[in-house]
Amino acid sequence: MKLHFAETQENCSNKKAVCIEASDNRTKVKCEERKKKYILENTMKNHVVLYKMDGGIILDDKSVPQETCKCDYLFVINSIERSAILVELKGVDVPHSLKQMDGTLFQFKDFFSAFKHVYGRVVVASSTPNIKASPAYVNLVKKFRNTYGGNLTIAERQLEEKDIELSK
């Protein structure tokens, strides 16, 4: 399987334009798909890199199995305590979005081990289902908290948050 992930923020073994959507210290960094949006408010003015994961870092080609679970975007915040945010913009299948998050964490576990915090964000098109009792949700929350020092948030249509409030 070809995983075209850059070891540094500015390099990508795939075409840079396909992998990296933003790489600077802008005030707001956002990703959106079909009326779903995630916005990171960069209050600390850190350098943030926004990677396109599905179809960018992880190519849709013959070398990648069709069933490979991957999230849509990855935000890398370059601060004293380096952080990452995995983002999945989903229609209604929240259980599948959890598989995509978990699959991305698994595929890049060595890469994510270098971060102080890794967070998961799922933005869905319609009301968020009550999945907090499901084993997949509980296990993923534990993984984000215990292994990566982060958390998991699911929101409807749009999620905007400040970099200094990610851990809340």
N, C-alpha and C. Protein backbone atom coordinates (compact mmCIF):
# COMPACT_ATOMS: atom_id res chain seq x y z
N MET A 1 0.84 -1.17 0.00
CA MET A 1 0.00 0.00 0.00
C MET A 1 0.88 1.23 0.00
N LYS A 2 0.61 2.19 -0.87
CA LYS A 2 1.36 3.44 -0.90
C LYS A 2 0.71 4.44 0.03
N LEU A 3 1.47 4.91 1.00
CA LEU A 3 1.01 5.98 1.85
C LEU A 3 1.93 7.16 1.59
N HIS A 4 1.39 8.19 1.01
CA HIS A 4 2.20 9.32 0.57
C HIS A 4 2.24 10.40 1.63
N PHE A 5 2.73 10.05 2.83
CA PHE A 5 2.74 11.02 3.91
C PHE A 5 4.09 11.68 4.00
N ALA A 6 4.06 12.95 4.22
CA ALA A 6 5.28 13.73 4.32
C ALA A 6 5.87 13.62 5.72
N GLU A 7 7.15 13.40 5.80
CA GLU A 7 7.83 13.39 7.10
C GLU A 7 8.02 14.81 7.61
N THR A 8 8.10 15.77 6.71
CA THR A 8 8.14 17.17 7.13
C THR A 8 6.90 17.84 6.59
N GLN A 9 6.58 18.97 7.16
CA GLN A 9 5.33 19.63 6.79
C GLN A 9 5.31 20.12 5.34
N GLU A 10 6.45 20.46 4.79
CA GLU A 10 6.45 21.06 3.47
C GLU A 10 6.68 20.06 2.33
N ASN A 11 7.04 18.84 2.66
CA ASN A 11 7.32 17.86 1.62
C ASN A 11 6.24 16.80 1.56
N CYS A 12 5.93 16.35 0.37
CA CYS A 12 4.93 15.31 0.19
C CYS A 12 5.37 14.50 -1.01
N SER A 13 5.43 13.18 -0.84
CA SER A 13 5.88 12.36 -1.96
C SER A 13 4.84 12.29 -3.07
N ASN A 14 3.63 12.71 -2.78
CA ASN A 14 2.62 12.90 -3.80
C ASN A 14 2.76 14.37 -4.22
N LYS A 15 1.95 14.84 -5.13
CA LYS A 15 2.01 16.25 -5.50
C LYS A 15 1.60 17.09 -4.31
N LYS A 16 2.44 18.06 -3.96
CA LYS A 16 2.19 18.89 -2.78
C LYS A 16 0.79 19.50 -2.82
N ALA A 17 0.34 19.92 -3.98
CA ALA A 17 -0.98 20.55 -4.11
C ALA A 17 -2.10 19.58 -3.76
N VAL A 18 -1.87 18.30 -3.90
CA VAL A 18 -2.88 17.30 -3.57
C VAL A 18 -2.86 16.99 -2.07
N CYS A 19 -1.70 17.02 -1.45
CA CYS A 19 -1.55 16.67 -0.04
C CYS A 19 -1.84 17.83 0.91
N ILE A 20 -1.31 18.99 0.59
CA ILE A 20 -1.34 20.11 1.53
C ILE A 20 -2.31 21.18 1.04
N GLU A 21 -3.34 21.45 1.86
CA GLU A 21 -4.32 22.47 1.50
C GLU A 21 -3.96 23.83 2.07
N ALA A 22 -3.23 23.85 3.18
CA ALA A 22 -2.78 25.10 3.79
C ALA A 22 -1.53 24.81 4.61
N SER A 23 -0.63 25.79 4.67
CA SER A 23 0.59 25.66 5.47
C SER A 23 1.08 27.05 5.81
N ASP A 24 0.55 27.61 6.92
CA ASP A 24 0.93 28.95 7.34
C ASP A 24 0.41 29.20 8.75
N ASN A 25 0.36 30.45 9.16
CA ASN A 25 -0.11 30.77 10.50
C ASN A 25 -1.35 31.65 10.47
N ARG A 26 -2.23 31.41 9.51
CA ARG A 26 -3.47 32.17 9.40
C ARG A 26 -4.33 32.02 10.66
N THR A 27 -5.22 32.98 10.86
CA THR A 27 -6.08 33.01 12.05
C THR A 27 -7.08 31.88 12.07
N LYS A 28 -7.67 31.55 10.92
CA LYS A 28 -8.65 30.46 10.85
C LYS A 28 -8.25 29.51 9.73
N VAL A 29 -8.19 28.23 10.09
CA VAL A 29 -7.87 27.18 9.12
C VAL A 29 -9.10 26.29 9.06
N LYS A 30 -9.62 26.07 7.83
CA LYS A 30 -10.86 25.29 7.73
C LYS A 30 -10.79 24.26 6.63
N CYS A 31 -11.63 23.24 6.82
CA CYS A 31 -11.86 22.25 5.78
C CYS A 31 -13.37 22.08 5.69
N GLU A 32 -13.85 21.82 4.48
CA GLU A 32 -15.29 21.64 4.32
C GLU A 32 -15.59 20.73 3.14
N GLU A 33 -16.75 20.08 3.26
CA GLU A 33 -17.23 19.15 2.23
C GLU A 33 -18.74 19.08 2.34
N ARG A 34 -19.41 19.27 1.27
CA ARG A 34 -20.88 19.11 1.21
C ARG A 34 -21.59 19.66 2.45
N LYS A 35 -21.43 20.95 2.71
CA LYS A 35 -22.11 21.68 3.78
C LYS A 35 -21.71 21.27 5.19
N LYS A 36 -20.60 20.52 5.32
CA LYS A 36 -20.05 20.21 6.64
C LYS A 36 -18.71 20.91 6.73
N LYS A 37 -18.43 21.49 7.92
CA LYS A 37 -17.24 22.33 8.02
C LYS A 37 -16.60 22.20 9.40
N TYR A 38 -15.26 22.15 9.39
CA TYR A 38 -14.48 22.22 10.62
C TYR A 38 -13.57 23.43 10.51
N ILE A 39 -13.58 24.27 11.55
CA ILE A 39 -12.76 25.48 11.57
C ILE A 39 -11.92 25.49 12.84
N LEU A 40 -10.62 25.62 12.67
CA LEU A 40 -9.71 25.76 13.79
C LEU A 40 -9.32 27.23 13.88
N GLU A 41 -9.62 27.84 15.01
CA GLU A 41 -9.22 29.22 15.24
C GLU A 41 -7.82 29.19 15.86
N ASN A 42 -6.85 29.68 15.12
CA ASN A 42 -5.44 29.63 15.48
C ASN A 42 -5.09 30.87 16.31
N THR A 43 -5.56 30.93 17.55
CA THR A 43 -5.37 32.11 18.40
C THR A 43 -3.91 32.33 18.77
N MET A 44 -3.13 31.26 18.82
CA MET A 44 -1.72 31.37 19.20
C MET A 44 -0.81 31.70 18.00
N LYS A 45 -1.40 31.79 16.82
CA LYS A 45 -0.67 32.11 15.59
C LYS A 45 0.48 31.12 15.31
N ASN A 46 0.23 29.85 15.65
CA ASN A 46 1.20 28.80 15.34
C ASN A 46 1.15 28.46 13.86
N HIS A 47 2.21 27.82 13.39
CA HIS A 47 2.22 27.33 12.02
C HIS A 47 1.34 26.08 11.98
N VAL A 48 0.31 26.09 11.14
CA VAL A 48 -0.61 24.96 11.01
C VAL A 48 -0.55 24.44 9.58
N VAL A 49 -0.46 23.12 9.46
CA VAL A 49 -0.49 22.49 8.15
C VAL A 49 -1.79 21.69 8.06
N LEU A 50 -2.55 21.92 7.01
CA LEU A 50 -3.79 21.17 6.76
C LEU A 50 -3.53 20.20 5.62
N TYR A 51 -3.56 18.91 5.96
CA TYR A 51 -3.34 17.85 4.97
C TYR A 51 -4.67 17.27 4.53
N LYS A 52 -4.79 16.97 3.26
CA LYS A 52 -5.90 16.18 2.73
C LYS A 52 -5.46 14.73 2.86
N MET A 53 -6.15 13.95 3.65
CA MET A 53 -5.76 12.56 3.86
C MET A 53 -6.33 11.66 2.76
N ASP A 54 -7.65 11.62 2.65
CA ASP A 54 -8.33 10.75 1.70
C ASP A 54 -8.18 11.32 0.29
N GLY A 55 -7.37 10.66 -0.52
CA GLY A 55 -7.13 11.13 -1.88
C GLY A 55 -5.90 12.02 -2.00
N GLY A 56 -5.26 12.32 -0.88
CA GLY A 56 -4.04 13.13 -0.87
C GLY A 56 -2.90 12.31 -0.31
N ILE A 57 -2.79 12.28 1.02
CA ILE A 57 -1.76 11.48 1.68
C ILE A 57 -1.98 10.00 1.37
N ILE A 58 -3.24 9.57 1.48
CA ILE A 58 -3.59 8.18 1.14
C ILE A 58 -4.29 8.22 -0.21
N LEU A 59 -3.57 7.84 -1.23
CA LEU A 59 -4.09 7.90 -2.59
C LEU A 59 -5.17 6.85 -2.83
N ASP A 60 -6.08 7.19 -3.71
CA ASP A 60 -7.06 6.22 -4.18
C ASP A 60 -6.50 5.58 -5.45
N ASP A 61 -5.62 4.62 -5.26
CA ASP A 61 -5.07 3.92 -6.43
C ASP A 61 -5.04 2.42 -6.14
N LYS A 62 -4.53 1.67 -7.08
CA LYS A 62 -4.55 0.21 -6.98
C LYS A 62 -3.74 -0.33 -5.81
N SER A 63 -2.78 0.46 -5.31
CA SER A 63 -1.92 -0.01 -4.22
C SER A 63 -2.61 0.09 -2.85
N VAL A 64 -3.70 0.84 -2.77
CA VAL A 64 -4.42 1.02 -1.50
C VAL A 64 -5.70 0.19 -1.56
N PRO A 65 -5.85 -0.78 -0.67
CA PRO A 65 -7.07 -1.59 -0.67
C PRO A 65 -8.31 -0.71 -0.52
N GLN A 66 -9.37 -1.06 -1.24
CA GLN A 66 -10.59 -0.26 -1.25
C GLN A 66 -11.19 -0.09 0.14
N GLU A 67 -11.06 -1.09 0.98
CA GLU A 67 -11.67 -1.03 2.31
C GLU A 67 -10.82 -0.28 3.33
N THR A 68 -9.70 0.33 2.90
CA THR A 68 -8.84 1.08 3.81
C THR A 68 -9.63 2.22 4.43
N CYS A 69 -9.67 2.23 5.75
CA CYS A 69 -10.39 3.28 6.48
C CYS A 69 -9.45 4.45 6.74
N LYS A 70 -9.87 5.62 6.33
CA LYS A 70 -9.05 6.82 6.48
C LYS A 70 -9.95 8.03 6.69
N CYS A 71 -9.47 8.98 7.47
CA CYS A 71 -10.26 10.18 7.69
C CYS A 71 -10.01 11.16 6.54
N ASP A 72 -10.76 12.26 6.54
CA ASP A 72 -10.68 13.22 5.43
C ASP A 72 -9.49 14.17 5.53
N TYR A 73 -9.24 14.70 6.73
CA TYR A 73 -8.22 15.75 6.89
C TYR A 73 -7.39 15.54 8.14
N LEU A 74 -6.21 16.14 8.13
CA LEU A 74 -5.32 16.15 9.27
C LEU A 74 -4.76 17.56 9.43
N PHE A 75 -4.96 18.13 10.61
CA PHE A 75 -4.36 19.41 10.97
C PHE A 75 -3.15 19.10 11.84
N VAL A 76 -2.00 19.68 11.52
CA VAL A 76 -0.81 19.56 12.35
C VAL A 76 -0.49 20.95 12.87
N ILE A 77 -0.51 21.08 14.20
CA ILE A 77 -0.23 22.37 14.84
C ILE A 77 1.19 22.31 15.38
N ASN A 78 2.03 23.15 14.83
CA ASN A 78 3.44 23.18 15.23
C ASN A 78 3.63 24.22 16.32
N SER A 79 3.54 23.76 17.54
CA SER A 79 3.75 24.62 18.70
C SER A 79 4.75 23.92 19.61
N ILE A 80 4.95 24.45 20.80
CA ILE A 80 5.87 23.82 21.74
C ILE A 80 5.42 22.38 22.01
N GLU A 81 4.12 22.21 22.22
CA GLU A 81 3.54 20.87 22.37
C GLU A 81 2.82 20.54 21.07
N ARG A 82 3.52 19.91 20.15
CA ARG A 82 2.99 19.60 18.83
C ARG A 82 1.70 18.78 18.92
N SER A 83 0.67 19.20 18.18
CA SER A 83 -0.63 18.54 18.22
C SER A 83 -1.13 18.21 16.82
N ALA A 84 -2.06 17.26 16.77
CA ALA A 84 -2.69 16.88 15.51
C ALA A 84 -4.19 16.75 15.73
N ILE A 85 -4.95 17.06 14.69
CA ILE A 85 -6.40 16.91 14.73
C ILE A 85 -6.82 16.13 13.50
N LEU A 86 -7.42 14.96 13.72
CA LEU A 86 -7.99 14.18 12.62
C LEU A 86 -9.43 14.63 12.44
N VAL A 87 -9.83 14.92 11.20
CA VAL A 87 -11.18 15.40 10.93
C VAL A 87 -11.85 14.50 9.91
N GLU A 88 -13.06 14.08 10.24
CA GLU A 88 -13.91 13.33 9.31
C GLU A 88 -15.19 14.12 9.12
N LEU A 89 -15.47 14.47 7.88
CA LEU A 89 -16.71 15.16 7.52
C LEU A 89 -17.63 14.11 6.93
N LYS A 90 -18.72 13.83 7.64
CA LYS A 90 -19.54 12.65 7.32
C LYS A 90 -20.98 13.03 7.06
N GLY A 91 -21.64 12.24 6.24
CA GLY A 91 -23.08 12.39 6.02
C GLY A 91 -23.84 12.00 7.27
N VAL A 92 -24.18 10.74 7.39
CA VAL A 92 -24.94 10.28 8.56
C VAL A 92 -24.34 9.04 9.22
N ASP A 93 -23.41 8.38 8.59
CA ASP A 93 -22.87 7.11 9.10
C ASP A 93 -21.76 7.35 10.12
N VAL A 94 -22.15 7.75 11.33
CA VAL A 94 -21.18 8.04 12.37
C VAL A 94 -20.37 6.80 12.77
N PRO A 95 -20.99 5.62 12.89
CA PRO A 95 -20.18 4.43 13.21
C PRO A 95 -19.03 4.22 12.20
N HIS A 96 -19.28 4.46 10.93
CA HIS A 96 -18.22 4.31 9.93
C HIS A 96 -17.14 5.38 10.11
N SER A 97 -17.54 6.59 10.51
CA SER A 97 -16.55 7.64 10.73
C SER A 97 -15.60 7.26 11.87
N LEU A 98 -16.11 6.54 12.86
CA LEU A 98 -15.25 6.08 13.96
C LEU A 98 -14.23 5.06 13.45
N LYS A 99 -14.66 4.19 12.53
CA LYS A 99 -13.74 3.23 11.92
C LYS A 99 -12.66 3.96 11.12
N GLN A 100 -13.06 5.04 10.44
CA GLN A 100 -12.10 5.81 9.65
C GLN A 100 -11.05 6.48 10.55
N MET A 101 -11.49 7.03 11.67
CA MET A 101 -10.56 7.63 12.63
C MET A 101 -9.59 6.57 13.15
N ASP A 102 -10.14 5.45 13.60
CA ASP A 102 -9.33 4.38 14.16
C ASP A 102 -8.36 3.84 13.12
N GLY A 103 -8.83 3.68 11.88
CA GLY A 103 -7.96 3.19 10.80
C GLY A 103 -6.80 4.13 10.53
N THR A 104 -7.06 5.43 10.57
CA THR A 104 -6.00 6.41 10.35
C THR A 104 -4.99 6.37 11.49
N LEU A 105 -5.49 6.29 12.72
CA LEU A 105 -4.58 6.18 13.87
C LEU A 105 -3.69 4.95 13.75
N PHE A 106 -4.27 3.84 13.31
CA PHE A 106 -3.52 2.60 13.18
C PHE A 106 -2.46 2.70 12.07
N GLN A 107 -2.86 3.21 10.91
CA GLN A 107 -1.93 3.28 9.77
C GLN A 107 -0.74 4.20 10.04
N PHE A 108 -0.96 5.24 10.85
CA PHE A 108 0.09 6.22 11.09
C PHE A 108 0.51 6.27 12.56
N LYS A 109 0.41 5.13 13.26
CA LYS A 109 0.68 5.13 14.70
C LYS A 109 2.09 5.61 15.02
N ASP A 110 3.07 5.28 14.20
CA ASP A 110 4.44 5.75 14.45
C ASP A 110 4.52 7.27 14.30
N PHE A 111 3.87 7.79 13.29
CA PHE A 111 3.85 9.24 13.07
C PHE A 111 3.17 9.95 14.24
N PHE A 112 1.99 9.47 14.65
CA PHE A 112 1.25 10.13 15.72
C PHE A 112 1.90 9.98 17.08
N SER A 113 2.76 9.00 17.26
CA SER A 113 3.43 8.83 18.56
C SER A 113 4.36 10.00 18.87
N ALA A 114 4.73 10.78 17.87
CA ALA A 114 5.61 11.93 18.07
C ALA A 114 4.86 13.18 18.54
N PHE A 115 3.53 13.11 18.63
CA PHE A 115 2.74 14.27 19.02
C PHE A 115 2.42 14.25 20.50
N LYS A 116 2.34 15.42 21.10
CA LYS A 116 1.94 15.54 22.51
C LYS A 116 0.45 15.23 22.65
N HIS A 117 -0.36 15.70 21.67
CA HIS A 117 -1.80 15.48 21.68
C HIS A 117 -2.29 15.16 20.27
N VAL A 118 -3.23 14.21 20.19
CA VAL A 118 -3.93 13.92 18.93
C VAL A 118 -5.42 13.93 19.26
N TYR A 119 -6.17 14.72 18.50
CA TYR A 119 -7.61 14.88 18.72
C TYR A 119 -8.38 14.33 17.53
N GLY A 120 -9.61 13.91 17.78
CA GLY A 120 -10.49 13.44 16.72
C GLY A 120 -11.72 14.32 16.65
N ARG A 121 -12.11 14.71 15.44
CA ARG A 121 -13.29 15.54 15.23
C ARG A 121 -14.11 14.95 14.09
N VAL A 122 -15.40 14.72 14.38
CA VAL A 122 -16.33 14.22 13.38
C VAL A 122 -17.44 15.26 13.24
N VAL A 123 -17.69 15.70 12.01
CA VAL A 123 -18.77 16.64 11.75
C VAL A 123 -19.74 15.93 10.81
N VAL A 124 -21.00 15.80 11.27
CA VAL A 124 -22.00 15.06 10.52
C VAL A 124 -23.04 16.01 9.93
N ALA A 125 -23.74 15.56 8.89
CA ALA A 125 -24.71 16.39 8.18
C ALA A 125 -25.99 16.62 8.97
N SER A 126 -26.44 15.61 9.68
CA SER A 126 -27.70 15.74 10.41
C SER A 126 -27.46 15.47 11.89
N SER A 127 -28.49 15.38 12.65
CA SER A 127 -28.34 15.25 14.10
C SER A 127 -27.43 14.08 14.46
N THR A 128 -26.65 14.30 15.50
CA THR A 128 -25.70 13.28 15.93
C THR A 128 -26.43 12.17 16.67
N PRO A 129 -26.23 10.94 16.25
CA PRO A 129 -26.92 9.82 16.90
C PRO A 129 -26.33 9.56 18.29
N ASN A 130 -27.08 8.90 19.10
CA ASN A 130 -26.61 8.56 20.44
C ASN A 130 -25.77 7.28 20.35
N ILE A 131 -24.47 7.45 20.21
CA ILE A 131 -23.58 6.29 20.07
C ILE A 131 -22.60 6.18 21.22
N LYS A 132 -22.76 7.03 22.22
CA LYS A 132 -21.79 7.09 23.31
C LYS A 132 -21.69 5.80 24.12
N ALA A 133 -22.66 4.93 23.99
CA ALA A 133 -22.60 3.64 24.70
C ALA A 133 -22.01 2.53 23.82
N SER A 134 -21.82 2.81 22.54
CA SER A 134 -21.31 1.77 21.65
C SER A 134 -19.84 1.46 21.95
N PRO A 135 -19.47 0.19 21.87
CA PRO A 135 -18.08 -0.19 22.15
C PRO A 135 -17.07 0.54 21.24
N ALA A 136 -17.42 0.75 19.98
CA ALA A 136 -16.50 1.43 19.06
C ALA A 136 -16.21 2.85 19.53
N TYR A 137 -17.25 3.56 19.97
CA TYR A 137 -17.08 4.93 20.46
C TYR A 137 -16.26 4.94 21.74
N VAL A 138 -16.64 4.11 22.70
CA VAL A 138 -15.96 4.06 24.00
C VAL A 138 -14.47 3.73 23.81
N ASN A 139 -14.17 2.74 22.98
CA ASN A 139 -12.78 2.35 22.74
C ASN A 139 -11.98 3.45 22.06
N LEU A 140 -12.60 4.15 21.11
CA LEU A 140 -11.90 5.22 20.42
C LEU A 140 -11.65 6.41 21.35
N VAL A 141 -12.61 6.73 22.17
CA VAL A 141 -12.42 7.81 23.16
C VAL A 141 -11.25 7.46 24.08
N LYS A 142 -11.20 6.21 24.54
CA LYS A 142 -10.10 5.76 25.41
C LYS A 142 -8.76 5.85 24.68
N LYS A 143 -8.75 5.46 23.41
CA LYS A 143 -7.51 5.50 22.64
C LYS A 143 -7.01 6.94 22.51
N PHE A 144 -7.91 7.86 22.14
CA PHE A 144 -7.51 9.26 22.03
C PHE A 144 -6.99 9.78 23.37
N ARG A 145 -7.69 9.48 24.45
CA ARG A 145 -7.33 10.00 25.78
C ARG A 145 -6.05 9.34 26.31
N ASN A 146 -6.02 8.02 26.34
CA ASN A 146 -4.92 7.31 27.01
C ASN A 146 -3.65 7.18 26.17
N THR A 147 -3.80 6.96 24.88
CA THR A 147 -2.63 6.77 24.02
C THR A 147 -2.10 8.08 23.46
N TYR A 148 -3.01 9.00 23.13
CA TYR A 148 -2.61 10.21 22.41
C TYR A 148 -2.85 11.51 23.17
N GLY A 149 -3.30 11.45 24.42
CA GLY A 149 -3.48 12.66 25.21
C GLY A 149 -4.49 13.63 24.64
N GLY A 150 -5.46 13.11 23.89
CA GLY A 150 -6.45 13.97 23.24
C GLY A 150 -7.87 13.60 23.60
N ASN A 151 -8.79 13.90 22.72
CA ASN A 151 -10.20 13.60 22.92
C ASN A 151 -10.90 13.47 21.58
N LEU A 152 -12.18 13.12 21.65
CA LEU A 152 -13.00 12.93 20.45
C LEU A 152 -14.26 13.77 20.60
N THR A 153 -14.59 14.54 19.56
CA THR A 153 -15.80 15.36 19.56
C THR A 153 -16.59 15.08 18.30
N ILE A 154 -17.91 14.96 18.45
CA ILE A 154 -18.81 14.79 17.30
C ILE A 154 -19.76 15.97 17.31
N ALA A 155 -19.89 16.64 16.17
CA ALA A 155 -20.75 17.82 16.07
C ALA A 155 -21.62 17.74 14.82
N GLU A 156 -22.65 18.56 14.81
CA GLU A 156 -23.58 18.60 13.68
C GLU A 156 -23.28 19.80 12.78
N ARG A 157 -23.09 19.53 11.50
CA ARG A 157 -22.90 20.48 10.40
C ARG A 157 -21.62 21.31 10.45
N GLN A 158 -21.33 21.94 11.59
CA GLN A 158 -20.13 22.77 11.68
C GLN A 158 -19.56 22.73 13.09
N LEU A 159 -18.25 22.68 13.15
CA LEU A 159 -17.56 22.73 14.43
C LEU A 159 -16.45 23.76 14.30
N GLU A 160 -16.51 24.77 15.15
CA GLU A 160 -15.46 25.78 15.20
C GLU A 160 -14.93 25.80 16.62
N GLU A 161 -13.61 25.70 16.74
CA GLU A 161 -13.02 25.71 18.07
C GLU A 161 -11.66 26.40 18.04
N LYS A 162 -11.28 26.91 19.20
CA LYS A 162 -10.01 27.59 19.35
C LYS A 162 -8.93 26.57 19.70
N ASP A 163 -7.73 26.81 19.19
CA ASP A 163 -6.61 25.91 19.47
C ASP A 163 -6.36 25.76 20.97
N ILE A 164 -6.58 26.80 21.74
CA ILE A 164 -6.33 26.74 23.19
C ILE A 164 -7.42 26.00 23.95
N GLU A 165 -8.51 25.62 23.26
CA GLU A 165 -9.62 24.93 23.91
C GLU A 165 -9.81 23.49 23.41
N LEU A 166 -8.86 22.97 22.67
CA LEU A 166 -8.98 21.62 22.11
C LEU A 166 -9.12 20.55 23.18
N SER A 167 -8.45 20.72 24.30
CA SER A 167 -8.46 19.68 25.32
C SER A 167 -9.71 19.70 26.20
N LYS A 168 -10.60 20.67 26.01
CA LYS A 168 -11.81 20.73 26.84
C LYS A 168 -12.87 19.78 26.38
